[in-house]
Amino acid sequence: MIINEENSHENWRQDVTGSIIHQVQKQLDRCKVVAGIGSVVSDITKFSHSYEEAIHALELVYQHGSASYMVYSSDLKQQRKELIPFEVEKELVKAVKKR
């Protein structure tokens, strides 16, 4: 069996994130904890890219009512390419409302 190192790392991040969110959720009564997680970066100049990924993942959490977190992955990256960017969608909705 061949294990892709990147997929293994993504699975590890998802497991750790899920565990942390679950523990925090147990501590906060009547609150829902949600999180979007971006890529791990080792260069501060790439932090803004990771932040954008985290925001995208968080948007998807809100679209899936049962989700409490999402870790940005290669699968989400592909989905993101297929979606209309949020700012474009926002402008389209604004234009339709004006009519």
C-alpha atoms as a PDB file:
ATOM      1  CA  MET A   1       0.000   0.000   0.000  1.00  0.00           C
ATOM      2  CA  ILE A   2       1.379   3.386  -0.992  1.00  0.00           C
ATOM      3  CA  ILE A   3       0.520   6.341   1.227  1.00  0.00           C
ATOM      4  CA  ASN A   4       0.756   9.803  -0.233  1.00  0.00           C
ATOM      5  CA  GLU A   5       2.645  11.928   2.305  1.00  0.00           C
ATOM      6  CA  GLU A   6       0.521  15.009   1.564  1.00  0.00           C
ATOM      7  CA  ASN A   7      -2.742  13.095   2.103  1.00  0.00           C
ATOM      8  CA  SER A   8      -1.334  11.588   5.281  1.00  0.00           C
ATOM      9  CA  HIS A   9      -0.457  15.070   6.560  1.00  0.00           C
ATOM     10  CA  GLU A  10      -3.934  16.379   5.624  1.00  0.00           C
ATOM     11  CA  ASN A  11      -5.573  13.479   7.470  1.00  0.00           C
ATOM     12  CA  TRP A  12      -3.428  14.154  10.531  1.00  0.00           C
ATOM     13  CA  ARG A  13      -4.402  17.864  10.491  1.00  0.00           C
ATOM     14  CA  GLN A  14      -8.079  16.915  10.195  1.00  0.00           C
ATOM     15  CA  ASP A  15      -7.838  14.466  13.088  1.00  0.00           C
ATOM     16  CA  VAL A  16      -6.044  16.934  15.361  1.00  0.00           C
ATOM     17  CA  THR A  17      -8.417  19.766  14.428  1.00  0.00           C
ATOM     18  CA  GLY A  18     -11.470  17.595  15.015  1.00  0.00           C
ATOM     19  CA  SER A  19     -10.175  16.561  18.414  1.00  0.00           C
ATOM     20  CA  ILE A  20      -9.448  20.158  19.484  1.00  0.00           C
ATOM     21  CA  ILE A  21     -12.820  21.453  18.244  1.00  0.00           C
ATOM     22  CA  HIS A  22     -14.607  18.615  20.035  1.00  0.00           C
ATOM     23  CA  GLN A  23     -12.773  19.323  23.323  1.00  0.00           C
ATOM     24  CA  VAL A  24     -13.451  23.063  23.137  1.00  0.00           C
ATOM     25  CA  GLN A  25     -17.102  22.456  22.218  1.00  0.00           C
ATOM     26  CA  LYS A  26     -17.529  20.288  25.321  1.00  0.00           C
ATOM     27  CA  GLN A  27     -16.204  23.143  27.474  1.00  0.00           C
ATOM     28  CA  LEU A  28     -18.474  25.815  26.000  1.00  0.00           C
ATOM     29  CA  ASP A  29     -22.070  25.211  26.919  1.00  0.00           C
ATOM     30  CA  ARG A  30     -24.652  26.567  24.438  1.00  0.00           C
ATOM     31  CA  CYS A  31     -22.047  27.769  21.954  1.00  0.00           C
ATOM     32  CA  LYS A  32     -21.182  26.349  18.562  1.00  0.00           C
ATOM     33  CA  VAL A  33     -17.487  26.415  17.718  1.00  0.00           C
ATOM     34  CA  VAL A  34     -16.649  26.639  14.010  1.00  0.00           C
ATOM     35  CA  ALA A  35     -13.254  26.833  12.331  1.00  0.00           C
ATOM     36  CA  GLY A  36     -11.633  27.014   8.929  1.00  0.00           C
ATOM     37  CA  ILE A  37      -8.070  25.753   8.739  1.00  0.00           C
ATOM     38  CA  GLY A  38      -5.567  26.834   6.056  1.00  0.00           C
ATOM     39  CA  SER A  39      -2.328  25.221   4.934  1.00  0.00           C
ATOM     40  CA  VAL A  40       0.644  24.960   7.243  1.00  0.00           C
ATOM     41  CA  VAL A  41       3.287  27.459   6.148  1.00  0.00           C
ATOM     42  CA  SER A  42       6.904  27.857   7.200  1.00  0.00           C
ATOM     43  CA  ASP A  43       7.411  31.256   5.572  1.00  0.00           C
ATOM     44  CA  ILE A  44       5.630  34.304   7.006  1.00  0.00           C
ATOM     45  CA  THR A  45       5.220  35.734   3.507  1.00  0.00           C
ATOM     46  CA  LYS A  46       2.872  32.822   2.709  1.00  0.00           C
ATOM     47  CA  PHE A  47       0.679  33.394   5.758  1.00  0.00           C
ATOM     48  CA  SER A  48      -1.863  35.500   3.847  1.00  0.00           C
ATOM     49  CA  HIS A  49      -2.384  32.621   1.403  1.00  0.00           C
ATOM     50  CA  SER A  50      -3.044  30.221   4.295  1.00  0.00           C
ATOM     51  CA  TYR A  51      -5.431  32.772   5.804  1.00  0.00           C
ATOM     52  CA  GLU A  52      -7.403  32.963   2.520  1.00  0.00           C
ATOM     53  CA  GLU A  53      -7.625  29.172   2.482  1.00  0.00           C
ATOM     54  CA  ALA A  54      -8.922  29.201   6.052  1.00  0.00           C
ATOM     55  CA  ILE A  55     -11.589  31.767   5.137  1.00  0.00           C
ATOM     56  CA  HIS A  56     -12.674  29.635   2.184  1.00  0.00           C
ATOM     57  CA  ALA A  57     -12.853  26.550   4.398  1.00  0.00           C
ATOM     58  CA  LEU A  58     -14.897  28.504   6.938  1.00  0.00           C
ATOM     59  CA  GLU A  59     -17.358  29.591   4.231  1.00  0.00           C
ATOM     60  CA  LEU A  60     -17.868  25.922   3.399  1.00  0.00           C
ATOM     61  CA  VAL A  61     -18.471  25.111   7.065  1.00  0.00           C
ATOM     62  CA  TYR A  62     -21.355  27.575   7.056  1.00  0.00           C
ATOM     63  CA  GLN A  63     -22.763  26.000   3.877  1.00  0.00           C
ATOM     64  CA  HIS A  64     -22.817  22.578   5.557  1.00  0.00           C
ATOM     65  CA  GLY A  65     -24.925  23.009   8.671  1.00  0.00           C
ATOM     66  CA  SER A  66     -23.694  19.827  10.314  1.00  0.00           C
ATOM     67  CA  ALA A  67     -19.986  20.709   9.952  1.00  0.00           C
ATOM     68  CA  SER A  68     -18.098  22.463  12.712  1.00  0.00           C
ATOM     69  CA  TYR A  69     -14.732  22.740  10.959  1.00  0.00           C
ATOM     70  CA  MET A  70     -13.063  22.192   7.632  1.00  0.00           C
ATOM     71  CA  VAL A  71      -9.391  21.802   6.817  1.00  0.00           C
ATOM     72  CA  TYR A  72      -8.320  23.243   3.476  1.00  0.00           C
ATOM     73  CA  SER A  73      -7.117  20.391   1.268  1.00  0.00           C
ATOM     74  CA  SER A  74      -6.360  19.567  -2.340  1.00  0.00           C
ATOM     75  CA  ASP A  75     -10.019  18.512  -2.740  1.00  0.00           C
ATOM     76  CA  LEU A  76     -11.232  21.898  -1.509  1.00  0.00           C
ATOM     77  CA  LYS A  77      -8.730  23.600  -3.780  1.00  0.00           C
ATOM     78  CA  GLN A  78     -10.321  21.874  -6.784  1.00  0.00           C
ATOM     79  CA  GLN A  79     -13.839  22.755  -5.590  1.00  0.00           C
ATOM     80  CA  ARG A  80     -12.770  26.359  -5.135  1.00  0.00           C
ATOM     81  CA  LYS A  81     -11.657  26.564  -8.766  1.00  0.00           C
ATOM     82  CA  GLU A  82     -15.120  25.401  -9.830  1.00  0.00           C
ATOM     83  CA  LEU A  83     -17.021  27.950  -7.721  1.00  0.00           C
ATOM     84  CA  ILE A  84     -17.840  31.559  -8.477  1.00  0.00           C
ATOM     85  CA  PRO A  85     -15.643  33.797  -6.276  1.00  0.00           C
ATOM     86  CA  PHE A  86     -17.541  35.279  -3.319  1.00  0.00           C
ATOM     87  CA  GLU A  87     -17.015  38.892  -4.406  1.00  0.00           C
ATOM     88  CA  VAL A  88     -18.334  38.128  -7.904  1.00  0.00           C
ATOM     89  CA  GLU A  89     -21.338  36.312  -6.461  1.00  0.00           C
ATOM     90  CA  LYS A  90     -22.002  39.223  -4.112  1.00  0.00           C
ATOM     91  CA  GLU A  91     -22.020  41.669  -7.040  1.00  0.00           C
ATOM     92  CA  LEU A  92     -24.353  39.390  -9.028  1.00  0.00           C
ATOM     93  CA  VAL A  93     -26.822  39.214  -6.148  1.00  0.00           C
ATOM     94  CA  LYS A  94     -26.640  42.984  -5.718  1.00  0.00           C
ATOM     95  CA  ALA A  95     -27.358  43.500  -9.442  1.00  0.00           C
ATOM     96  CA  VAL A  96     -30.332  41.111  -9.364  1.00  0.00           C
ATOM     97  CA  LYS A  97     -31.810  42.875  -6.328  1.00  0.00           C
ATOM     98  CA  LYS A  98     -31.685  46.213  -8.148  1.00  0.00           C
ATOM     99  CA  ARG A  99     -33.954  44.909 -10.918  1.00  0.00           C
END
